[in-house]
N, C-alpha and C. Protein backbone atom coordinates (compact mmCIF):
# COMPACT_ATOMS: atom_id res chain seq x y z
N UNK A 1 61.39 -58.70 -74.05
CA UNK A 1 60.63 -57.55 -74.44
C UNK A 1 59.18 -57.84 -74.13
N UNK A 2 58.47 -56.83 -73.64
CA UNK A 2 57.09 -56.90 -73.28
C UNK A 2 56.28 -55.86 -74.07
N UNK A 3 54.98 -56.08 -74.15
CA UNK A 3 54.08 -55.15 -74.83
C UNK A 3 53.29 -54.44 -73.77
N UNK A 4 53.08 -53.13 -73.97
CA UNK A 4 52.32 -52.31 -73.03
C UNK A 4 50.84 -52.42 -73.44
N UNK A 5 50.12 -52.98 -72.48
CA UNK A 5 48.63 -53.11 -72.73
C UNK A 5 47.90 -51.96 -72.05
N UNK A 6 47.03 -51.28 -72.81
CA UNK A 6 46.24 -50.20 -72.31
C UNK A 6 44.77 -50.61 -72.33
N UNK A 7 43.92 -49.88 -71.58
CA UNK A 7 42.50 -50.08 -71.78
C UNK A 7 42.08 -49.24 -72.95
N UNK A 8 40.83 -49.32 -73.36
CA UNK A 8 40.39 -48.61 -74.60
C UNK A 8 40.56 -47.12 -74.47
N UNK A 9 40.57 -46.59 -73.23
CA UNK A 9 40.70 -45.12 -72.99
C UNK A 9 42.15 -44.70 -72.98
N UNK A 10 43.11 -45.62 -73.09
CA UNK A 10 44.53 -45.26 -73.12
C UNK A 10 45.24 -45.34 -71.82
N UNK A 11 44.61 -45.84 -70.77
CA UNK A 11 45.26 -45.98 -69.44
C UNK A 11 46.05 -47.27 -69.39
N UNK A 12 47.31 -47.20 -68.92
CA UNK A 12 48.16 -48.41 -68.88
C UNK A 12 47.48 -49.48 -67.94
N UNK A 13 47.48 -50.73 -68.38
CA UNK A 13 46.96 -51.80 -67.57
C UNK A 13 47.97 -52.79 -67.14
N UNK A 14 48.87 -53.22 -68.04
CA UNK A 14 49.84 -54.23 -67.71
C UNK A 14 50.88 -54.33 -68.73
N UNK A 15 51.96 -55.01 -68.36
CA UNK A 15 53.02 -55.44 -69.32
C UNK A 15 52.67 -56.85 -69.63
N UNK A 16 52.49 -57.19 -70.94
CA UNK A 16 52.15 -58.56 -71.34
C UNK A 16 53.22 -59.09 -72.26
N UNK A 17 53.28 -60.38 -72.40
CA UNK A 17 54.28 -60.96 -73.28
C UNK A 17 53.90 -60.78 -74.75
N UNK A 18 54.89 -60.94 -75.62
CA UNK A 18 54.65 -60.86 -77.06
C UNK A 18 53.63 -61.94 -77.42
N UNK A 19 53.73 -63.12 -76.85
CA UNK A 19 52.78 -64.18 -77.16
C UNK A 19 51.36 -63.81 -76.78
N UNK A 20 51.19 -63.21 -75.58
CA UNK A 20 49.83 -62.79 -75.16
C UNK A 20 49.29 -61.73 -76.11
N UNK A 21 50.18 -60.80 -76.54
CA UNK A 21 49.76 -59.76 -77.45
C UNK A 21 49.35 -60.36 -78.81
N UNK A 22 50.13 -61.36 -79.25
CA UNK A 22 49.79 -62.01 -80.55
C UNK A 22 48.43 -62.67 -80.47
N UNK A 23 48.09 -63.25 -79.35
CA UNK A 23 46.77 -63.87 -79.20
C UNK A 23 45.68 -62.82 -79.30
N UNK A 24 45.92 -61.67 -78.70
CA UNK A 24 44.91 -60.55 -78.80
C UNK A 24 44.76 -60.09 -80.24
N UNK A 25 45.90 -59.99 -80.99
CA UNK A 25 45.84 -59.60 -82.36
C UNK A 25 45.08 -60.69 -83.16
N UNK A 26 45.37 -61.95 -82.98
CA UNK A 26 44.69 -63.02 -83.71
C UNK A 26 43.17 -63.10 -83.40
N UNK A 27 42.83 -62.72 -82.17
CA UNK A 27 41.41 -62.77 -81.76
C UNK A 27 40.66 -61.48 -82.00
N UNK A 28 41.32 -60.52 -82.66
CA UNK A 28 40.72 -59.24 -82.96
C UNK A 28 40.23 -58.57 -81.68
N UNK A 29 41.05 -58.63 -80.64
CA UNK A 29 40.68 -58.05 -79.34
C UNK A 29 41.34 -56.72 -79.09
N UNK A 30 41.84 -56.07 -80.13
CA UNK A 30 42.52 -54.81 -80.02
C UNK A 30 41.74 -53.69 -80.68
N UNK A 31 41.57 -52.59 -79.89
CA UNK A 31 40.89 -51.42 -80.39
C UNK A 31 41.77 -50.54 -81.26
N UNK A 32 43.02 -50.31 -80.80
CA UNK A 32 43.96 -49.50 -81.52
C UNK A 32 45.36 -49.81 -81.04
N UNK A 33 46.39 -49.42 -81.85
CA UNK A 33 47.76 -49.66 -81.48
C UNK A 33 48.59 -48.40 -81.74
N UNK A 34 49.80 -48.42 -81.17
CA UNK A 34 50.77 -47.32 -81.40
C UNK A 34 52.11 -47.95 -81.61
N UNK A 35 52.92 -47.30 -82.47
CA UNK A 35 54.30 -47.73 -82.72
C UNK A 35 54.46 -48.73 -83.84
N UNK A 36 55.67 -48.84 -84.24
CA UNK A 36 56.01 -49.81 -85.32
C UNK A 36 56.04 -51.18 -84.67
N UNK A 37 55.70 -52.24 -85.40
CA UNK A 37 55.79 -53.58 -84.82
C UNK A 37 57.11 -53.87 -84.18
N UNK A 38 57.03 -54.49 -83.02
CA UNK A 38 58.24 -54.81 -82.25
C UNK A 38 58.63 -56.30 -82.40
N UNK A 39 57.71 -57.12 -82.93
CA UNK A 39 57.91 -58.52 -83.13
C UNK A 39 57.02 -59.01 -84.24
N UNK A 40 57.51 -60.00 -84.97
CA UNK A 40 56.72 -60.69 -85.98
C UNK A 40 56.78 -62.19 -85.70
N UNK A 41 55.57 -62.76 -85.48
CA UNK A 41 55.51 -64.18 -85.19
C UNK A 41 55.01 -64.93 -86.48
N UNK A 42 55.64 -65.96 -86.86
CA UNK A 42 55.32 -66.69 -88.07
C UNK A 42 54.67 -68.01 -87.71
N UNK A 43 53.64 -68.40 -88.48
CA UNK A 43 52.92 -69.63 -88.20
C UNK A 43 53.09 -70.62 -89.32
N UNK A 44 51.99 -71.38 -89.57
CA UNK A 44 51.99 -72.40 -90.58
C UNK A 44 51.79 -71.85 -92.01
N UNK A 45 51.85 -72.80 -92.95
CA UNK A 45 51.73 -72.45 -94.36
C UNK A 45 50.30 -72.79 -94.85
N UNK A 46 49.72 -71.91 -95.63
CA UNK A 46 48.40 -72.16 -96.14
C UNK A 46 48.51 -73.01 -97.39
N UNK A 47 47.82 -74.14 -97.41
CA UNK A 47 47.90 -75.07 -98.59
C UNK A 47 47.47 -74.45 -99.88
N UNK A 48 46.38 -73.62 -99.80
CA UNK A 48 45.82 -73.09 -101.00
C UNK A 48 46.69 -71.99 -101.58
N UNK A 49 47.09 -70.99 -100.70
CA UNK A 49 47.85 -69.85 -101.22
C UNK A 49 49.37 -70.08 -101.19
N UNK A 50 49.80 -71.02 -100.33
CA UNK A 50 51.25 -71.24 -100.18
C UNK A 50 51.89 -70.18 -99.35
N UNK A 51 51.09 -69.30 -98.72
CA UNK A 51 51.68 -68.25 -97.87
C UNK A 51 51.76 -68.66 -96.37
N UNK A 52 52.78 -68.17 -95.75
CA UNK A 52 52.94 -68.42 -94.35
C UNK A 52 52.18 -67.33 -93.55
N UNK A 53 51.49 -67.82 -92.49
CA UNK A 53 50.78 -66.83 -91.64
C UNK A 53 51.79 -66.07 -90.83
N UNK A 54 51.43 -64.85 -90.51
CA UNK A 54 52.30 -64.02 -89.69
C UNK A 54 51.46 -63.00 -88.92
N UNK A 55 51.92 -62.70 -87.71
CA UNK A 55 51.24 -61.72 -86.87
C UNK A 55 52.29 -60.69 -86.44
N UNK A 56 52.01 -59.40 -86.80
CA UNK A 56 52.88 -58.36 -86.37
C UNK A 56 52.39 -57.82 -85.02
N UNK A 57 53.28 -57.75 -84.06
CA UNK A 57 52.87 -57.35 -82.68
C UNK A 57 53.35 -55.92 -82.48
N UNK A 58 52.42 -55.02 -82.06
CA UNK A 58 52.81 -53.59 -81.80
C UNK A 58 53.35 -53.50 -80.41
N UNK A 59 54.12 -52.46 -80.13
CA UNK A 59 54.71 -52.29 -78.79
C UNK A 59 53.67 -51.80 -77.78
N UNK A 60 52.62 -51.16 -78.29
CA UNK A 60 51.56 -50.62 -77.45
C UNK A 60 50.23 -50.99 -78.08
N UNK A 61 49.32 -51.57 -77.28
CA UNK A 61 48.03 -51.90 -77.77
C UNK A 61 46.90 -51.63 -76.76
N UNK A 62 45.77 -51.25 -77.25
CA UNK A 62 44.63 -51.02 -76.40
C UNK A 62 43.61 -52.09 -76.55
N UNK A 63 43.23 -52.71 -75.49
CA UNK A 63 42.29 -53.86 -75.54
C UNK A 63 40.89 -53.36 -75.79
N UNK A 64 40.11 -54.13 -76.53
CA UNK A 64 38.68 -53.80 -76.75
C UNK A 64 37.92 -54.14 -75.45
N UNK A 65 36.73 -53.57 -75.39
CA UNK A 65 35.86 -53.96 -74.33
C UNK A 65 35.78 -53.01 -73.16
N UNK A 66 35.14 -53.41 -72.11
CA UNK A 66 34.96 -52.60 -70.91
C UNK A 66 36.27 -52.30 -70.25
N UNK A 67 36.29 -51.16 -69.56
CA UNK A 67 37.49 -50.81 -68.81
C UNK A 67 37.54 -51.64 -67.53
N UNK A 68 38.61 -52.46 -67.32
CA UNK A 68 38.68 -53.30 -66.15
C UNK A 68 38.68 -52.45 -64.86
N UNK A 69 38.19 -53.00 -63.80
CA UNK A 69 38.07 -52.26 -62.53
C UNK A 69 39.46 -51.85 -62.03
N UNK A 70 40.49 -52.63 -62.31
CA UNK A 70 41.82 -52.26 -61.79
C UNK A 70 42.35 -50.93 -62.43
N UNK A 71 41.70 -50.52 -63.52
CA UNK A 71 42.10 -49.23 -64.16
C UNK A 71 41.85 -48.07 -63.21
N UNK A 72 41.02 -48.23 -62.26
CA UNK A 72 40.64 -47.12 -61.40
C UNK A 72 41.42 -47.14 -60.06
N UNK A 73 42.39 -48.05 -59.96
CA UNK A 73 43.16 -48.02 -58.69
C UNK A 73 43.84 -46.67 -58.62
N UNK A 74 43.95 -46.20 -57.37
CA UNK A 74 44.46 -44.83 -57.20
C UNK A 74 45.97 -44.73 -56.98
N UNK A 75 46.59 -45.78 -56.47
CA UNK A 75 48.00 -45.71 -56.30
C UNK A 75 48.63 -47.07 -56.50
N UNK A 76 49.83 -47.15 -57.01
CA UNK A 76 50.50 -48.43 -57.24
C UNK A 76 50.97 -49.11 -55.95
N UNK A 77 51.09 -50.40 -56.04
CA UNK A 77 51.61 -51.16 -54.88
C UNK A 77 53.03 -50.71 -54.61
N UNK A 78 53.42 -50.66 -53.35
CA UNK A 78 54.76 -50.26 -52.94
C UNK A 78 55.62 -51.48 -52.89
N UNK A 79 56.79 -51.43 -53.52
CA UNK A 79 57.79 -52.51 -53.46
C UNK A 79 59.18 -51.81 -53.39
N UNK A 80 60.14 -52.56 -52.83
CA UNK A 80 61.47 -51.96 -52.74
C UNK A 80 62.08 -51.63 -54.11
N UNK A 81 62.01 -52.52 -55.11
CA UNK A 81 62.59 -52.17 -56.41
C UNK A 81 61.97 -50.87 -56.99
N UNK A 82 60.64 -50.74 -56.86
CA UNK A 82 59.98 -49.52 -57.41
C UNK A 82 60.33 -48.28 -56.56
N UNK A 83 60.44 -48.43 -55.21
CA UNK A 83 60.79 -47.35 -54.33
C UNK A 83 62.20 -46.88 -54.69
N UNK A 84 63.14 -47.80 -54.79
CA UNK A 84 64.51 -47.41 -55.12
C UNK A 84 64.60 -46.74 -56.50
N UNK A 85 63.88 -47.24 -57.46
CA UNK A 85 63.89 -46.62 -58.79
C UNK A 85 63.28 -45.22 -58.70
N UNK A 86 62.14 -45.05 -57.97
CA UNK A 86 61.51 -43.76 -57.79
C UNK A 86 62.56 -42.72 -57.24
N UNK A 87 63.33 -43.15 -56.28
CA UNK A 87 64.28 -42.29 -55.62
C UNK A 87 65.64 -42.32 -56.32
N UNK A 88 65.74 -42.94 -57.48
CA UNK A 88 66.92 -42.94 -58.36
C UNK A 88 68.16 -43.55 -57.68
N UNK A 89 67.89 -44.49 -56.77
CA UNK A 89 68.99 -45.24 -56.02
C UNK A 89 69.88 -44.33 -55.20
N UNK A 90 69.25 -43.20 -54.74
CA UNK A 90 69.97 -42.21 -53.90
C UNK A 90 69.48 -42.27 -52.46
N UNK A 91 70.38 -42.34 -51.53
CA UNK A 91 70.00 -42.24 -50.11
C UNK A 91 69.45 -40.90 -49.83
N UNK A 92 68.27 -40.82 -49.20
CA UNK A 92 67.59 -39.61 -48.90
C UNK A 92 68.31 -38.80 -47.80
N UNK A 93 69.23 -39.43 -47.10
CA UNK A 93 69.94 -38.76 -46.02
C UNK A 93 71.32 -38.26 -46.43
N UNK A 94 72.12 -39.13 -47.01
CA UNK A 94 73.51 -38.73 -47.35
C UNK A 94 73.65 -38.29 -48.80
N UNK A 95 72.68 -38.68 -49.64
CA UNK A 95 72.68 -38.25 -51.04
C UNK A 95 73.56 -39.11 -51.91
N UNK A 96 74.18 -40.15 -51.38
CA UNK A 96 75.03 -40.98 -52.20
C UNK A 96 74.23 -41.97 -53.02
N UNK A 97 74.78 -42.38 -54.14
CA UNK A 97 74.19 -43.37 -55.05
C UNK A 97 74.67 -44.74 -54.66
N UNK A 98 73.77 -45.70 -54.58
CA UNK A 98 74.14 -47.11 -54.19
C UNK A 98 73.51 -48.11 -55.13
N UNK A 99 74.06 -49.34 -55.21
CA UNK A 99 73.41 -50.42 -55.91
C UNK A 99 72.23 -50.89 -55.03
N UNK A 100 71.25 -51.44 -55.67
CA UNK A 100 70.06 -51.86 -54.99
C UNK A 100 70.36 -52.80 -53.78
N UNK A 101 71.38 -53.60 -53.84
CA UNK A 101 71.70 -54.53 -52.73
C UNK A 101 72.10 -53.78 -51.49
N UNK A 102 72.53 -52.53 -51.58
CA UNK A 102 72.99 -51.77 -50.41
C UNK A 102 71.99 -50.76 -49.91
N UNK A 103 70.73 -50.85 -50.45
CA UNK A 103 69.70 -49.90 -50.08
C UNK A 103 68.64 -50.55 -49.21
N UNK A 104 67.93 -49.72 -48.46
CA UNK A 104 66.87 -50.19 -47.57
C UNK A 104 65.61 -49.32 -47.71
N UNK A 105 64.48 -49.85 -47.33
CA UNK A 105 63.24 -49.05 -47.28
C UNK A 105 63.23 -48.36 -45.93
N UNK A 106 63.27 -47.10 -45.88
CA UNK A 106 63.30 -46.32 -44.63
C UNK A 106 61.95 -45.69 -44.42
N UNK A 107 61.43 -45.86 -43.20
CA UNK A 107 60.15 -45.22 -42.85
C UNK A 107 60.47 -43.89 -42.16
N UNK A 108 59.99 -42.76 -42.70
CA UNK A 108 60.27 -41.48 -42.09
C UNK A 108 59.72 -41.44 -40.67
N UNK A 109 58.52 -41.87 -40.51
CA UNK A 109 57.93 -42.06 -39.19
C UNK A 109 57.98 -43.58 -38.97
N UNK A 110 58.78 -44.09 -38.07
CA UNK A 110 58.96 -45.53 -37.90
C UNK A 110 57.62 -46.23 -37.70
N UNK A 111 57.46 -47.43 -38.23
CA UNK A 111 56.16 -48.17 -38.11
C UNK A 111 55.88 -48.46 -36.61
N UNK A 112 56.98 -48.66 -35.81
CA UNK A 112 56.76 -48.91 -34.38
C UNK A 112 56.22 -47.70 -33.66
N UNK A 113 56.23 -46.55 -34.32
CA UNK A 113 55.72 -45.32 -33.79
C UNK A 113 54.51 -44.82 -34.52
N UNK A 114 53.83 -45.72 -35.16
CA UNK A 114 52.57 -45.34 -35.84
C UNK A 114 52.71 -45.04 -37.29
N UNK A 115 53.93 -45.06 -37.88
CA UNK A 115 54.06 -44.78 -39.29
C UNK A 115 53.55 -45.89 -40.15
N UNK A 116 53.04 -45.53 -41.32
CA UNK A 116 52.48 -46.50 -42.25
C UNK A 116 53.50 -46.91 -43.27
N UNK A 117 53.32 -48.09 -43.83
CA UNK A 117 54.16 -48.57 -44.94
C UNK A 117 53.48 -48.09 -46.22
N UNK A 118 53.75 -46.86 -46.51
CA UNK A 118 53.05 -46.20 -47.59
C UNK A 118 54.05 -45.30 -48.36
N UNK A 119 53.78 -45.05 -49.67
CA UNK A 119 54.69 -44.25 -50.51
C UNK A 119 55.06 -42.93 -49.79
N UNK A 120 54.14 -42.30 -49.16
CA UNK A 120 54.44 -40.94 -48.57
C UNK A 120 55.21 -41.03 -47.26
N UNK A 121 55.41 -42.25 -46.72
CA UNK A 121 56.21 -42.37 -45.50
C UNK A 121 57.48 -43.15 -45.71
N UNK A 122 57.73 -43.54 -46.92
CA UNK A 122 58.93 -44.34 -47.27
C UNK A 122 59.85 -43.63 -48.24
N UNK A 123 61.14 -43.77 -47.93
CA UNK A 123 62.16 -43.20 -48.79
C UNK A 123 63.27 -44.27 -48.86
N UNK A 124 64.19 -44.05 -49.75
CA UNK A 124 65.38 -44.90 -49.93
C UNK A 124 66.50 -44.44 -49.06
N UNK A 125 67.13 -45.36 -48.30
CA UNK A 125 68.26 -45.02 -47.47
C UNK A 125 69.31 -46.13 -47.57
N UNK A 126 70.56 -45.70 -47.45
CA UNK A 126 71.62 -46.68 -47.43
C UNK A 126 71.58 -47.34 -46.07
N UNK A 127 72.21 -48.53 -45.91
CA UNK A 127 72.16 -49.28 -44.65
C UNK A 127 72.74 -48.45 -43.52
N UNK A 128 73.82 -47.74 -43.82
CA UNK A 128 74.50 -46.93 -42.72
C UNK A 128 73.52 -45.85 -42.17
N UNK A 129 72.93 -45.07 -43.05
CA UNK A 129 72.01 -44.00 -42.64
C UNK A 129 70.77 -44.58 -41.96
N UNK A 130 70.26 -45.70 -42.49
CA UNK A 130 69.06 -46.28 -41.90
C UNK A 130 69.40 -46.72 -40.44
N UNK A 131 70.57 -47.36 -40.26
CA UNK A 131 71.01 -47.77 -38.95
C UNK A 131 71.18 -46.62 -38.00
N UNK A 132 71.78 -45.53 -38.51
CA UNK A 132 72.04 -44.33 -37.69
C UNK A 132 70.74 -43.71 -37.21
N UNK A 133 69.75 -43.66 -38.13
CA UNK A 133 68.48 -43.08 -37.74
C UNK A 133 67.74 -43.98 -36.74
N UNK A 134 67.81 -45.28 -37.02
CA UNK A 134 67.16 -46.23 -36.10
C UNK A 134 65.68 -46.00 -36.03
N UNK A 135 65.18 -46.13 -34.80
CA UNK A 135 63.73 -46.03 -34.47
C UNK A 135 63.33 -44.61 -34.08
N UNK A 136 64.06 -43.62 -34.58
CA UNK A 136 63.77 -42.22 -34.24
C UNK A 136 63.18 -41.46 -35.41
N UNK A 137 62.59 -40.32 -35.10
CA UNK A 137 62.17 -39.36 -36.15
C UNK A 137 63.44 -38.68 -36.61
N UNK A 138 63.34 -38.06 -37.84
CA UNK A 138 64.54 -37.41 -38.42
C UNK A 138 65.06 -36.35 -37.48
N UNK A 139 64.15 -35.56 -36.88
CA UNK A 139 64.59 -34.49 -35.98
C UNK A 139 65.32 -35.00 -34.75
N UNK A 140 64.86 -36.12 -34.22
CA UNK A 140 65.48 -36.76 -33.04
C UNK A 140 66.83 -37.27 -33.36
N UNK A 141 67.04 -37.69 -34.62
CA UNK A 141 68.34 -38.28 -35.04
C UNK A 141 69.26 -37.18 -35.58
N UNK A 142 68.77 -35.95 -35.69
CA UNK A 142 69.60 -34.91 -36.28
C UNK A 142 69.84 -35.09 -37.77
N UNK A 143 68.91 -35.72 -38.44
CA UNK A 143 69.05 -35.99 -39.88
C UNK A 143 67.94 -35.28 -40.63
N UNK A 144 68.18 -34.82 -41.87
CA UNK A 144 67.17 -34.26 -42.65
C UNK A 144 67.09 -34.92 -44.05
N UNK A 145 65.88 -34.87 -44.62
CA UNK A 145 65.70 -35.49 -45.95
C UNK A 145 66.20 -34.53 -47.06
N UNK A 146 66.88 -35.12 -48.02
CA UNK A 146 67.38 -34.37 -49.14
C UNK A 146 66.30 -34.24 -50.28
N UNK A 147 65.30 -35.07 -50.22
CA UNK A 147 64.17 -35.06 -51.14
C UNK A 147 62.93 -35.60 -50.43
N UNK A 148 61.78 -35.26 -50.95
CA UNK A 148 60.51 -35.66 -50.34
C UNK A 148 59.92 -36.84 -51.06
N UNK A 149 59.21 -37.71 -50.37
CA UNK A 149 58.55 -38.81 -51.04
C UNK A 149 57.33 -38.35 -51.81
N UNK A 150 56.86 -39.18 -52.73
CA UNK A 150 55.61 -38.92 -53.45
C UNK A 150 55.03 -40.24 -53.95
N UNK A 151 53.76 -40.23 -54.24
CA UNK A 151 53.09 -41.41 -54.78
C UNK A 151 53.20 -41.32 -56.33
N UNK A 152 53.79 -42.36 -56.91
CA UNK A 152 53.91 -42.37 -58.36
C UNK A 152 52.57 -42.49 -59.09
N UNK A 153 52.45 -41.88 -60.22
CA UNK A 153 51.24 -41.99 -61.01
C UNK A 153 51.21 -43.36 -61.67
N UNK A 154 50.11 -43.68 -62.27
CA UNK A 154 49.96 -44.99 -62.92
C UNK A 154 50.99 -45.12 -64.06
N UNK A 155 51.28 -44.01 -64.81
CA UNK A 155 52.25 -44.05 -65.89
C UNK A 155 53.68 -44.21 -65.34
N UNK A 156 53.97 -43.55 -64.21
CA UNK A 156 55.27 -43.67 -63.59
C UNK A 156 55.47 -45.12 -63.06
N UNK A 157 54.40 -45.66 -62.53
CA UNK A 157 54.44 -47.03 -62.01
C UNK A 157 54.84 -48.03 -63.10
N UNK A 158 54.32 -47.84 -64.33
CA UNK A 158 54.66 -48.72 -65.36
C UNK A 158 56.14 -48.65 -65.77
N UNK A 159 56.70 -47.49 -65.60
CA UNK A 159 58.15 -47.27 -65.88
C UNK A 159 58.96 -47.90 -64.73
N UNK A 160 58.45 -47.71 -63.47
CA UNK A 160 59.23 -48.17 -62.28
C UNK A 160 59.26 -49.71 -62.16
N UNK A 161 58.45 -50.39 -62.90
CA UNK A 161 58.41 -51.83 -62.78
C UNK A 161 59.62 -52.55 -63.27
N UNK A 162 60.57 -51.80 -63.88
CA UNK A 162 61.92 -52.32 -64.19
C UNK A 162 61.98 -53.15 -65.46
N UNK A 163 61.07 -52.96 -66.35
CA UNK A 163 61.10 -53.70 -67.63
C UNK A 163 62.04 -53.03 -68.55
N UNK A 164 62.43 -53.77 -69.63
CA UNK A 164 63.17 -53.18 -70.73
C UNK A 164 62.13 -52.47 -71.64
N UNK A 165 62.10 -51.19 -71.57
CA UNK A 165 61.05 -50.45 -72.22
C UNK A 165 61.51 -49.88 -73.55
N UNK A 166 60.74 -50.17 -74.58
CA UNK A 166 61.08 -49.70 -75.98
C UNK A 166 60.84 -48.20 -76.02
N UNK A 167 61.48 -47.55 -76.97
CA UNK A 167 61.39 -46.09 -77.17
C UNK A 167 59.92 -45.65 -77.33
N UNK A 168 59.15 -46.32 -78.16
CA UNK A 168 57.73 -45.94 -78.37
C UNK A 168 57.00 -46.01 -77.01
N UNK A 169 57.26 -47.07 -76.24
CA UNK A 169 56.56 -47.22 -74.96
C UNK A 169 56.99 -46.15 -73.98
N UNK A 170 58.28 -45.85 -73.94
CA UNK A 170 58.76 -44.81 -72.98
C UNK A 170 58.21 -43.48 -73.35
N UNK A 171 58.20 -43.13 -74.63
CA UNK A 171 57.64 -41.82 -75.02
C UNK A 171 56.16 -41.70 -74.68
N UNK A 172 55.39 -42.79 -74.86
CA UNK A 172 53.99 -42.81 -74.49
C UNK A 172 53.83 -42.61 -73.03
N UNK A 173 54.56 -43.33 -72.19
CA UNK A 173 54.37 -43.22 -70.77
C UNK A 173 54.89 -41.88 -70.22
N UNK A 174 56.02 -41.38 -70.72
CA UNK A 174 56.58 -40.13 -70.22
C UNK A 174 55.69 -38.94 -70.56
N UNK A 175 54.91 -39.06 -71.66
CA UNK A 175 54.06 -37.92 -72.07
C UNK A 175 53.00 -37.65 -71.00
N UNK A 176 52.70 -38.62 -70.13
CA UNK A 176 51.68 -38.42 -69.06
C UNK A 176 52.28 -38.30 -67.69
N UNK A 177 53.63 -38.30 -67.62
CA UNK A 177 54.30 -38.12 -66.32
C UNK A 177 54.54 -36.67 -66.03
N UNK A 178 54.21 -36.23 -64.83
CA UNK A 178 54.44 -34.75 -64.52
C UNK A 178 55.86 -34.36 -64.78
N UNK A 179 56.05 -33.13 -65.21
CA UNK A 179 57.42 -32.62 -65.45
C UNK A 179 58.26 -32.60 -64.17
N UNK A 180 57.59 -32.51 -63.03
CA UNK A 180 58.34 -32.51 -61.78
C UNK A 180 58.79 -33.87 -61.33
N UNK A 181 58.45 -34.93 -62.00
CA UNK A 181 58.79 -36.30 -61.64
C UNK A 181 60.28 -36.51 -61.73
N UNK A 182 60.83 -37.28 -60.80
CA UNK A 182 62.24 -37.64 -60.85
C UNK A 182 62.60 -38.54 -62.03
N UNK A 183 61.59 -39.08 -62.70
CA UNK A 183 61.82 -39.96 -63.83
C UNK A 183 62.20 -39.22 -65.08
N UNK A 184 62.04 -37.89 -65.10
CA UNK A 184 62.40 -37.10 -66.26
C UNK A 184 63.92 -36.83 -66.27
N UNK A 185 64.59 -37.14 -65.21
CA UNK A 185 66.00 -37.07 -65.39
C UNK A 185 66.75 -36.13 -64.59
């Protein structure tokens, strides 16, 4: 389980470990939190009071301080796992659902013909369809796309990273995902 770290303005920054979040709690480095505690870490015993120290870790926390420069990145890094999740593990040509091991990153305009390795030029394809299309444009191969590519938002990117996301975290992230997103179901 990971904790969703936000900047003070509420923009997602990173998935951090429960231990990293506990350090932030202990150092009073948190501006605000959301959700019921997702973990409780217990420490040593106080000799005077006889009480054990404990830190409750929230599922979502906003870090104090200046907004890091990475908060202003405009689009997430492209990776096959995130691409396949964005496209719901469906081949853009035949429409069949496949396990990740049978999918490929397909360039709509092949890179050898000037296409970029970018969210808007990449879709998910099964190995068979990718091989059939080869180094051609869709029109040349007589193939058409069943869905269009798009660049995921920062909130979608946090979902696409493939973590085990708690309900509080998913509700927070989905609240800022466009209704037209494939992640809504």
